[in-house]
């Protein structure tokens, strides 16, 4: 159950990330560049460079949105720029982000064993079944909000208040024990130069980061990347003996880095931007078959579309701020990880609007049937159609926008050729995502990682009203990039 999770020490001063030495962007990167940046974060634990600390992935230095951790957080949990501290913080401060109540008995049995890593593979099937049951209870509670009285195929028919899986707010010690014991066992093995039980350790880590979807991923790429990171640590410091406590920090960081590096799309990284303390890897993603969770603001979409047209020529379209995407595992059915838009729905809608206008036979009237066909051709679902319908209706009621678009038909035709846009790659489970529809005043309500998968599942009738869904926050800077054909 999602509960009030305000930090009791919120009056403590904020501790901002330490300054980073300015670094030139990598304009033609490869996956190896992304890997080396990850390795640098790991190696900084072993050989700390206070004058030139490594850049951090977004949002691994942020608490919520653009708010950083407090000095009291650093004092209680340790270096909040490291995964070991951050995960301990999340499990302590936000019990609703921990395992479902349905898993409690099985986890207690696991913790009664001498070695939880050796026992894990025997009980992980039970954990998966119990997690799925908890997810389905939340799913069914959300479905129950959809009565027959709602008018079908309207935005209102999709708007759903998120329901979280049930957790035990008093079982924080249980999830902390699971993490600390798993970390202690893997660190002890690494101290002895052993590499066994990595699979089990990474599964427990992923389960604690996302108790519903965390076990629905392929672990083989993560295992290989974890082993490579550990081997590179050994190769860099062959004669240095690390303490068990240091190996704990290294193992936790390698788990986080291998989870990120295993994102398949990063093999096609297109640009790496450095800003403030953040490193932002960009890829190009297709506009086809995009899922959608949150509806847009029609007036804002029109403003963005006008900015794009005004700053473009038929020969060269304008640079556009990258959207933000994550890859999540489907929860209701088997399937591979799929991309979801974390931030940038308005920008994508604006581009698609320009493409629809370019394909329209006339800009004198709005053809709803043509819009439906346009969405079908791109593999866009009902939420996209309803959203673009509202934007188009707003457009055709605003003569000043229509006149401007009519005078830029060659630019519209150039936008019609766009098939891919730049996107910042992040991981949903790294965010403390605020639930906008249930957060009022100072009472902070978090979404669970599973909500991203449920709301973006095209087979489910779930959606968020504009500006009342989720709040992730944005990176401190960005690099505008050209859309691509």
Protein backbone atom coordinates (compact mmCIF):
# COMPACT_ATOMS: atom_id res chain seq x y z
CA UNK A 1 0.00 0.00 0.00
CA UNK A 2 1.33 3.44 -0.88
CA UNK A 3 1.65 5.54 2.25
CA UNK A 4 2.92 8.88 3.45
CA UNK A 5 6.69 8.74 2.99
CA UNK A 6 7.94 12.18 3.92
CA UNK A 7 11.51 12.27 5.14
CA UNK A 8 11.37 12.98 8.87
CA UNK A 9 14.66 14.85 8.54
CA UNK A 10 13.48 17.07 5.66
CA UNK A 11 14.48 20.20 7.59
CA UNK A 12 18.13 19.18 7.19
CA UNK A 13 20.13 21.26 4.67
CA UNK A 14 20.36 19.91 1.13
CA UNK A 15 23.73 18.47 0.09
CA UNK A 16 24.22 19.03 -3.63
CA UNK A 17 26.42 16.71 -5.71
CA UNK A 18 30.05 17.73 -5.79
CA UNK A 19 31.14 19.78 -8.84
CA UNK A 20 32.41 17.88 -11.87
CA UNK A 21 35.29 18.91 -14.07
CA UNK A 22 33.92 20.20 -17.42
CA UNK A 23 34.02 17.52 -20.09
CA UNK A 24 33.42 17.67 -23.84
CA UNK A 25 30.42 15.77 -25.18
CA UNK A 26 31.07 12.53 -27.05
CA UNK A 27 29.51 13.19 -30.45
CA UNK A 28 30.05 9.77 -32.03
CA UNK A 29 30.02 7.38 -29.09
CA UNK A 30 30.01 3.61 -28.96
CA UNK A 31 28.75 1.25 -26.29
CA UNK A 32 32.34 1.02 -25.04
CA UNK A 33 32.19 4.71 -24.09
CA UNK A 34 29.09 4.04 -21.99
CA UNK A 35 30.82 1.06 -20.38
CA UNK A 36 33.96 3.03 -19.52
CA UNK A 37 31.87 5.71 -17.81
CA UNK A 38 30.25 2.97 -15.72
CA UNK A 39 33.64 1.47 -14.89
CA UNK A 40 34.87 4.91 -13.81
CA UNK A 41 32.03 5.14 -11.28
CA UNK A 42 32.96 1.71 -9.92
CA UNK A 43 36.69 2.44 -9.81
CA UNK A 44 36.11 5.70 -7.96
CA UNK A 45 35.01 3.59 -4.99
CA UNK A 46 38.37 1.84 -4.97
CA UNK A 47 40.57 4.81 -5.88
CA UNK A 48 38.67 7.98 -5.02
CA UNK A 49 39.44 11.06 -7.10
CA UNK A 50 38.03 14.00 -5.15
CA UNK A 51 39.37 16.51 -7.69
CA UNK A 52 37.70 14.82 -10.66
CA UNK A 53 34.77 12.64 -9.53
CA UNK A 54 32.90 10.66 -12.19
CA UNK A 55 29.71 11.92 -13.79
CA UNK A 56 26.50 10.26 -12.60
CA UNK A 57 23.57 8.80 -14.49
CA UNK A 58 20.27 10.63 -14.09
CA UNK A 59 18.57 10.35 -11.58
CA UNK A 60 21.03 8.51 -9.33
CA UNK A 61 21.98 11.67 -7.38
CA UNK A 62 18.40 12.92 -7.01
CA UNK A 63 15.90 12.17 -4.25
CA UNK A 64 12.71 13.35 -5.96
CA UNK A 65 12.52 15.41 -9.15
CA UNK A 66 15.35 17.98 -8.90
CA UNK A 67 15.68 17.74 -5.11
CA UNK A 68 18.92 16.25 -3.83
CA UNK A 69 19.49 14.32 -0.64
CA UNK A 70 20.04 16.07 2.68
CA UNK A 71 23.11 16.24 4.87
CA UNK A 72 21.31 14.00 7.36
CA UNK A 73 20.74 11.43 4.58
CA UNK A 74 24.48 11.39 3.90
CA UNK A 75 25.21 11.04 7.61
CA UNK A 76 22.73 8.18 8.09
CA UNK A 77 23.18 6.19 4.88
CA UNK A 78 26.64 7.12 3.61
CA UNK A 79 27.67 8.51 0.24
CA UNK A 80 24.34 9.14 -1.53
CA UNK A 81 26.08 9.13 -4.92
CA UNK A 82 26.63 5.37 -4.50
CA UNK A 83 24.06 2.65 -5.15
CA UNK A 84 24.63 0.88 -1.82
CA UNK A 85 23.55 3.99 0.10
CA UNK A 86 20.73 4.91 -2.24
CA UNK A 87 19.06 1.50 -2.18
CA UNK A 88 19.31 1.36 1.60
CA UNK A 89 17.70 4.82 1.69
CA UNK A 90 14.83 3.75 -0.57
CA UNK A 91 14.08 0.58 1.37
CA UNK A 92 14.16 2.50 4.67
CA UNK A 93 12.26 5.65 3.75
CA UNK A 94 9.78 4.13 1.32
CA UNK A 95 8.47 0.75 2.53
CA UNK A 96 5.91 0.85 -0.29
CA UNK A 97 8.80 0.34 -2.71
CA UNK A 98 9.73 -2.91 -0.97
CA UNK A 99 8.47 -6.47 -1.58
CA UNK A 100 4.73 -7.23 -1.48
CA UNK A 101 3.17 -8.43 1.75
CA UNK A 102 2.33 -11.65 -0.11
CA UNK A 103 6.07 -12.51 -0.22
CA UNK A 104 6.69 -12.01 3.49
CA UNK A 105 6.41 -15.62 4.66
CA UNK A 106 8.67 -16.92 1.89
CA UNK A 107 11.24 -14.21 2.56
CA UNK A 108 11.28 -15.03 6.28
CA UNK A 109 11.99 -18.66 5.43
CA UNK A 110 14.79 -17.54 3.12
CA UNK A 111 16.34 -15.38 5.83
CA UNK A 112 16.34 -18.34 8.23
CA UNK A 113 18.85 -20.10 5.96
CA UNK A 114 22.60 -19.94 6.49
CA UNK A 115 23.17 -18.77 2.91
CA UNK A 116 20.40 -16.85 1.16
CA UNK A 117 22.26 -16.82 -2.16
CA UNK A 118 22.49 -20.62 -2.25
CA UNK A 119 18.82 -20.99 -1.25
CA UNK A 120 17.47 -18.27 -3.55
CA UNK A 121 17.00 -20.37 -6.69
CA UNK A 122 14.83 -22.82 -4.74
CA UNK A 123 12.32 -20.17 -3.66
CA UNK A 124 12.45 -17.61 -6.48
CA UNK A 125 9.55 -19.34 -8.29
CA UNK A 126 7.37 -18.88 -5.20
CA UNK A 127 8.47 -15.23 -4.98
CA UNK A 128 7.47 -14.64 -8.61
CA UNK A 129 4.05 -16.22 -8.13
CA UNK A 130 3.39 -14.24 -4.95
CA UNK A 131 4.50 -11.00 -6.60
CA UNK A 132 2.24 -11.64 -9.58
CA UNK A 133 -0.68 -12.27 -7.23
CA UNK A 134 0.00 -8.94 -5.48
CA UNK A 135 0.20 -7.15 -8.83
CA UNK A 136 -3.06 -8.69 -10.02
CA UNK A 137 -4.86 -7.53 -6.88
CA UNK A 138 -3.74 -3.96 -7.59
CA UNK A 139 -4.58 -4.39 -11.28
CA UNK A 140 -8.10 -5.62 -10.47
CA UNK A 141 -8.65 -2.76 -8.03
CA UNK A 142 -7.75 -0.32 -10.80
CA UNK A 143 -10.04 -2.10 -13.26
CA UNK A 144 -12.91 -1.81 -10.78
CA UNK A 145 -12.82 1.98 -11.25
CA UNK A 146 -14.08 1.50 -14.81
CA UNK A 147 -17.85 1.27 -14.57
CA UNK A 148 -20.29 0.76 -17.43
CA UNK A 149 -21.49 4.32 -16.85
CA UNK A 150 -18.32 5.76 -18.35
CA UNK A 151 -18.61 6.81 -21.96
CA UNK A 152 -16.30 4.45 -23.90
CA UNK A 153 -13.36 5.63 -26.00
CA UNK A 154 -12.98 8.99 -24.30
CA UNK A 155 -10.04 10.31 -22.32
CA UNK A 156 -12.18 10.14 -19.21
CA UNK A 157 -12.78 6.43 -19.78
CA UNK A 158 -9.03 5.81 -19.41
CA UNK A 159 -8.22 8.02 -16.42
CA UNK A 160 -7.46 5.73 -13.49
CA UNK A 161 -6.22 6.40 -9.97
CA UNK A 162 -3.19 4.15 -9.40
CA UNK A 163 -3.44 1.45 -6.76
CA UNK A 164 -0.25 -0.02 -5.33
CA UNK A 165 0.43 -3.60 -4.35
CA UNK A 166 0.09 -4.11 -0.60
CA UNK A 167 3.21 -3.92 1.54
CA UNK A 168 3.81 -4.18 5.25
CA UNK A 169 5.03 -0.82 6.51
CA UNK A 170 6.44 -2.57 9.57
CA UNK A 171 8.59 -5.01 7.57
CA UNK A 172 11.32 -2.54 6.61
CA UNK A 173 13.81 -4.67 8.56
CA UNK A 174 12.89 -7.68 6.41
CA UNK A 175 13.81 -6.06 3.11
CA UNK A 176 16.90 -4.45 4.61
CA UNK A 177 18.04 -7.82 5.96
CA UNK A 178 17.58 -9.38 2.53
CA UNK A 179 19.71 -6.68 0.91
CA UNK A 180 22.41 -6.56 3.59
CA UNK A 181 22.80 -10.33 3.71
CA UNK A 182 22.92 -10.70 -0.07
CA UNK A 183 25.49 -7.90 -0.21
CA UNK A 184 27.57 -9.42 2.60
CA UNK A 185 27.64 -12.86 0.94
CA UNK A 186 28.65 -11.59 -2.48
CA UNK A 187 31.28 -9.28 -0.95
CA UNK A 188 32.76 -12.17 1.02
CA UNK A 189 32.98 -14.20 -2.18
CA UNK A 190 34.63 -11.32 -4.04
CA UNK A 191 37.11 -10.85 -1.20
CA UNK A 192 38.17 -14.46 -1.80
CA UNK A 193 38.31 -13.83 -5.58
CA UNK A 194 35.32 -16.13 -6.12
CA UNK A 195 32.66 -15.40 -8.74
CA UNK A 196 29.89 -17.80 -7.76
CA UNK A 197 26.25 -16.90 -7.00
CA UNK A 198 26.36 -13.73 -9.10
CA UNK A 199 23.09 -14.71 -10.79
CA UNK A 200 21.34 -15.03 -7.41
CA UNK A 201 22.77 -11.75 -6.14
CA UNK A 202 21.65 -9.84 -9.23
CA UNK A 203 18.18 -11.38 -9.04
CA UNK A 204 17.77 -10.31 -5.41
CA UNK A 205 19.04 -6.83 -6.28
CA UNK A 206 16.61 -6.52 -9.20
CA UNK A 207 13.74 -7.83 -7.05
CA UNK A 208 14.40 -5.20 -4.38
CA UNK A 209 14.57 -2.42 -7.00
CA UNK A 210 11.29 -3.53 -8.62
CA UNK A 211 9.49 -6.34 -6.83
CA UNK A 212 6.99 -6.94 -9.66
CA UNK A 213 8.90 -6.59 -12.92
CA UNK A 214 12.43 -6.97 -11.61
CA UNK A 215 12.51 -10.74 -12.10
CA UNK A 216 10.94 -10.61 -15.58
CA UNK A 217 14.19 -9.66 -17.29
CA UNK A 218 17.05 -11.56 -18.91
CA UNK A 219 19.87 -11.85 -16.40
CA UNK A 220 22.55 -13.33 -18.67
CA UNK A 221 23.64 -9.94 -20.11
CA UNK A 222 23.75 -8.49 -16.59
CA UNK A 223 25.84 -11.38 -15.28
CA UNK A 224 28.36 -10.97 -18.11
CA UNK A 225 28.61 -7.21 -17.55
CA UNK A 226 28.91 -7.62 -13.77
CA UNK A 227 31.73 -10.13 -14.25
CA UNK A 228 33.49 -7.84 -16.72
CA UNK A 229 33.31 -4.89 -14.31
CA UNK A 230 34.66 -6.98 -11.44
CA UNK A 231 37.46 -8.36 -13.63
CA UNK A 232 38.41 -4.83 -14.72
CA UNK A 233 38.60 -3.81 -11.06
CA UNK A 234 40.99 -6.71 -10.39
CA UNK A 235 43.04 -5.87 -13.49
CA UNK A 236 43.39 -2.23 -12.46
CA UNK A 237 44.51 -2.97 -8.90
CA UNK A 238 46.11 -6.44 -9.09
CA UNK A 239 48.15 -5.99 -5.91
CA UNK A 240 45.63 -4.06 -3.83
CA UNK A 241 43.64 -5.91 -1.18
CA UNK A 242 40.15 -4.49 -0.65
CA UNK A 243 38.20 -4.79 2.56
CA UNK A 244 34.86 -6.61 2.69
CA UNK A 245 33.13 -3.25 3.25
CA UNK A 246 34.69 -1.85 0.08
CA UNK A 247 33.65 -4.95 -1.88
CA UNK A 248 30.07 -4.35 -0.68
CA UNK A 249 30.13 -0.88 -2.21
CA UNK A 250 31.72 -2.22 -5.39
CA UNK A 251 29.22 -5.09 -5.72
CA UNK A 252 26.21 -2.80 -5.25
CA UNK A 253 27.57 -0.33 -7.82
CA UNK A 254 28.34 -3.11 -10.30
CA UNK A 255 24.78 -4.40 -9.89
CA UNK A 256 23.41 -0.96 -10.74
CA UNK A 257 25.80 -0.39 -13.64
CA UNK A 258 25.22 -3.84 -15.16
CA UNK A 259 21.46 -3.29 -14.99
CA UNK A 260 21.83 -0.08 -16.98
CA UNK A 261 24.44 -1.38 -19.42
CA UNK A 262 22.23 -4.38 -20.23
CA UNK A 263 19.69 -2.10 -21.93
CA UNK A 264 19.92 -3.36 -25.50
CA UNK A 265 19.33 0.05 -27.08
CA UNK A 266 22.55 1.42 -25.59
CA UNK A 267 24.46 -0.60 -28.18
CA UNK A 268 23.23 2.08 -30.60
CA UNK A 269 24.05 5.10 -28.43
CA UNK A 270 24.20 8.24 -30.60
CA UNK A 271 25.40 11.04 -28.35
CA UNK A 272 26.68 11.46 -24.78
CA UNK A 273 26.11 14.83 -23.11
CA UNK A 274 27.82 16.02 -19.92
CA UNK A 275 26.06 18.65 -17.83
CA UNK A 276 26.56 19.66 -14.19
CA UNK A 277 27.08 16.30 -12.40
CA UNK A 278 25.09 14.26 -14.94
CA UNK A 279 26.06 12.16 -17.95
CA UNK A 280 23.19 11.78 -20.40
CA UNK A 281 23.35 9.02 -23.05
CA UNK A 282 21.04 9.61 -26.01
CA UNK A 283 19.71 7.11 -28.54
CA UNK A 284 17.28 7.48 -31.44
CA UNK A 285 13.89 5.80 -31.12
CA UNK A 286 11.11 5.17 -33.61
CA UNK A 287 7.81 7.04 -33.44
CA UNK A 288 5.98 3.89 -34.51
CA UNK A 289 4.06 1.76 -32.01
CA UNK A 290 4.81 4.06 -29.08
CA UNK A 291 2.74 3.25 -25.99
CA UNK A 292 1.22 6.09 -24.01
CA UNK A 293 0.39 6.60 -20.34
CA UNK A 294 -0.37 10.29 -19.82
CA UNK A 295 -2.48 12.63 -21.94
CA UNK A 296 -1.02 15.92 -23.18
CA UNK A 297 -2.09 19.55 -22.88
CA UNK A 298 -3.47 20.56 -26.33
CA UNK A 299 -2.54 24.25 -26.03
CA UNK A 300 1.03 23.37 -25.07
CA UNK A 301 1.30 20.89 -27.95
CA UNK A 302 0.26 23.62 -30.40
CA UNK A 303 2.81 26.03 -28.94
CA UNK A 304 5.58 23.43 -29.33
CA UNK A 305 4.47 22.60 -32.88
CA UNK A 306 4.57 26.30 -33.77
CA UNK A 307 8.06 26.66 -32.30
CA UNK A 308 9.25 23.68 -34.34
CA UNK A 309 7.80 25.02 -37.58
CA UNK A 310 9.01 28.59 -36.98
CA UNK A 311 12.59 27.44 -36.29
CA UNK A 312 12.80 25.06 -39.26
CA UNK A 313 13.28 25.33 -42.99
CA UNK A 314 12.39 22.73 -45.63
CA UNK A 315 16.13 22.01 -45.96
CA UNK A 316 16.93 21.75 -42.24
CA UNK A 317 14.57 20.98 -39.40
CA UNK A 318 15.25 22.45 -35.98
CA UNK A 319 17.06 20.65 -33.18
CA UNK A 320 14.62 19.23 -30.62
CA UNK A 321 15.06 18.56 -26.91
CA UNK A 322 15.34 14.78 -26.45
CA UNK A 323 12.46 12.92 -24.87
CA UNK A 324 13.16 10.57 -21.95
CA UNK A 325 12.50 6.85 -22.23
CA UNK A 326 12.82 3.73 -20.10
CA UNK A 327 12.50 0.06 -20.97
CA UNK A 328 10.13 -2.01 -18.83
CA UNK A 329 9.05 -5.64 -18.76
CA UNK A 330 5.43 -6.51 -19.60
CA UNK A 331 3.53 -7.74 -16.55
CA UNK A 332 0.29 -9.21 -17.90
CA UNK A 333 1.84 -11.38 -20.61
CA UNK A 334 5.15 -12.79 -21.81
CA UNK A 335 7.25 -10.57 -24.00
CA UNK A 336 10.45 -8.59 -24.35
CA UNK A 337 11.19 -5.27 -22.69
CA UNK A 338 9.36 -2.38 -24.32
CA UNK A 339 10.07 1.34 -24.33
CA UNK A 340 7.89 3.86 -22.53
CA UNK A 341 7.99 7.66 -22.65
CA UNK A 342 8.90 9.06 -19.24
CA UNK A 343 9.03 12.70 -20.38
CA UNK A 344 8.29 14.35 -23.72
CA UNK A 345 4.74 13.33 -24.62
CA UNK A 346 3.95 16.90 -25.69
CA UNK A 347 6.97 17.00 -28.03
CA UNK A 348 6.16 13.67 -29.65
CA UNK A 349 2.51 14.69 -30.07
CA UNK A 350 3.62 17.95 -31.71
CA UNK A 351 5.77 16.09 -34.26
CA UNK A 352 2.98 13.63 -35.02
CA UNK A 353 0.53 16.51 -35.42
CA UNK A 354 2.81 18.11 -38.02
CA UNK A 355 3.07 14.79 -39.83
CA UNK A 356 -0.71 14.39 -39.81
CA UNK A 357 -1.17 17.90 -41.20
CA UNK A 358 1.37 17.17 -43.94
CA UNK A 359 -0.58 14.04 -44.90
CA UNK A 360 -3.95 15.82 -44.83
CA UNK A 361 -5.61 16.58 -48.14
CA UNK A 362 -6.77 19.94 -46.79
CA UNK A 363 -6.04 22.26 -43.88
CA UNK A 364 -9.52 23.74 -44.09
CA UNK A 365 -11.28 21.10 -42.00
CA UNK A 366 -10.47 18.28 -39.60
CA UNK A 367 -11.06 14.74 -40.90
CA UNK A 368 -11.45 12.44 -37.87
CA UNK A 369 -11.40 9.34 -40.05
CA UNK A 370 -8.09 10.40 -41.59
CA UNK A 371 -6.60 10.84 -38.10
CA UNK A 372 -7.76 7.35 -37.11
CA UNK A 373 -6.12 5.91 -40.22
CA UNK A 374 -2.95 7.92 -39.51
CA UNK A 375 -2.73 6.46 -35.99
CA UNK A 376 -3.47 2.95 -37.23
CA UNK A 377 -0.72 3.19 -39.86
CA UNK A 378 1.81 4.10 -37.15
CA UNK A 379 0.61 1.40 -34.77
CA UNK A 380 -0.56 3.97 -32.22
CA UNK A 381 -3.29 2.97 -29.79
CA UNK A 382 -6.60 4.51 -28.76
CA UNK A 383 -5.01 6.84 -26.19
CA UNK A 384 -2.87 8.40 -28.92
CA UNK A 385 -5.89 8.84 -31.19
CA UNK A 386 -7.96 10.51 -28.47
CA UNK A 387 -5.08 12.76 -27.50
CA UNK A 388 -4.33 13.86 -31.05
CA UNK A 389 -8.04 14.32 -31.72
CA UNK A 390 -8.24 16.87 -28.89
CA UNK A 391 -5.14 18.65 -30.19
CA UNK A 392 -6.49 18.74 -33.76
CA UNK A 393 -9.85 20.09 -32.59
CA UNK A 394 -8.03 22.79 -30.64
CA UNK A 395 -5.98 23.62 -33.73
CA UNK A 396 -8.96 23.92 -36.07
CA UNK A 397 -10.62 26.32 -33.64
CA UNK A 398 -7.56 28.61 -33.65
CA UNK A 399 -7.27 30.49 -36.94
CA UNK A 400 -3.90 32.05 -36.04
CA UNK A 401 -2.28 28.61 -35.77
CA UNK A 402 -3.96 27.33 -38.92
CA UNK A 403 -2.78 30.30 -40.97
CA UNK A 404 0.77 29.81 -39.79
CA UNK A 405 0.76 26.10 -40.66
CA UNK A 406 -0.75 26.84 -44.08
CA UNK A 407 2.15 29.19 -44.77
CA UNK A 408 4.70 26.50 -43.83
CA UNK A 409 3.51 23.55 -45.93
CA UNK A 410 7.05 22.76 -47.24
CA UNK A 411 8.28 22.53 -43.64
CA UNK A 412 5.35 20.26 -42.75
CA UNK A 413 6.35 17.96 -45.60
CA UNK A 414 9.89 17.78 -44.22
CA UNK A 415 8.52 16.82 -40.80
CA UNK A 416 6.51 14.10 -42.53
CA UNK A 417 9.82 12.36 -43.28
CA UNK A 418 10.81 12.15 -39.60
CA UNK A 419 10.69 8.63 -38.20
CA UNK A 420 13.02 8.82 -35.18
CA UNK A 421 13.72 11.28 -32.38
CA UNK A 422 16.52 11.54 -29.83
CA UNK A 423 15.83 10.10 -26.38
CA UNK A 424 17.61 10.05 -23.03
CA UNK A 425 17.79 6.51 -21.66
CA UNK A 426 16.93 6.08 -17.97
CA UNK A 427 15.65 3.31 -15.68
CA UNK A 428 12.23 3.71 -14.05
CA UNK A 429 13.26 1.90 -10.87
CA UNK A 430 15.93 4.54 -10.22
CA UNK A 431 13.29 7.23 -9.74
CA UNK A 432 11.29 8.04 -6.64
CA UNK A 433 8.36 8.83 -8.94
CA UNK A 434 5.73 11.11 -7.41
CA UNK A 435 2.08 10.19 -7.96
CA UNK A 436 0.54 13.54 -8.93
CA UNK A 437 -3.08 12.43 -8.68
CA UNK A 438 -2.70 11.38 -5.04
CA UNK A 439 -0.08 13.81 -3.70
CA UNK A 440 -1.61 16.86 -2.02
CA UNK A 441 0.16 19.54 -0.02
CA UNK A 442 3.16 18.14 1.82
CA UNK A 443 1.97 14.53 1.70
CA UNK A 444 4.26 12.71 -0.72
CA UNK A 445 2.88 9.63 -2.48
CA UNK A 446 5.14 7.51 -4.68
CA UNK A 447 4.26 5.31 -7.61
CA UNK A 448 5.69 1.81 -7.76
CA UNK A 449 7.77 0.77 -10.80
CA UNK A 450 4.99 -1.60 -11.92
CA UNK A 451 2.70 1.36 -12.65
CA UNK A 452 4.85 2.38 -15.61
CA UNK A 453 4.29 -1.03 -17.23
CA UNK A 454 0.57 -1.15 -16.42
CA UNK A 455 -0.26 2.35 -17.67
CA UNK A 456 1.70 1.84 -20.89
CA UNK A 457 0.18 -1.57 -21.67
CA UNK A 458 -1.94 -1.05 -24.79
CA UNK A 459 -4.27 -3.88 -23.75
CA UNK A 460 -5.27 -2.13 -20.50
CA UNK A 461 -7.69 0.82 -20.12
CA UNK A 462 -5.39 2.84 -17.86
CA UNK A 463 -4.28 6.43 -18.39
CA UNK A 464 -3.33 9.58 -16.52
CA UNK A 465 -4.95 12.96 -16.99
CA UNK A 466 -2.64 15.67 -18.30
CA UNK A 467 -0.28 16.96 -15.60
CA UNK A 468 -1.96 14.72 -13.00
CA UNK A 469 -0.05 11.50 -13.57
CA UNK A 470 3.59 11.05 -12.72
CA UNK A 471 6.42 13.41 -11.83
CA UNK A 472 9.94 12.16 -12.43
CA UNK A 473 11.80 15.44 -12.71
CA UNK A 474 14.16 16.33 -15.53
CA UNK A 475 17.89 16.30 -16.04
CA UNK A 476 19.67 19.55 -15.21
CA UNK A 477 20.52 20.17 -18.85
CA UNK A 478 20.04 18.65 -22.29
CA UNK A 479 21.46 18.69 -25.79
CA UNK A 480 18.93 19.46 -28.55
CA UNK A 481 19.40 17.09 -31.47
CA UNK A 482 18.07 16.81 -35.00
CA UNK A 483 15.20 14.38 -35.61
CA UNK A 484 16.03 11.70 -38.16
CA UNK A 485 14.32 10.12 -41.13
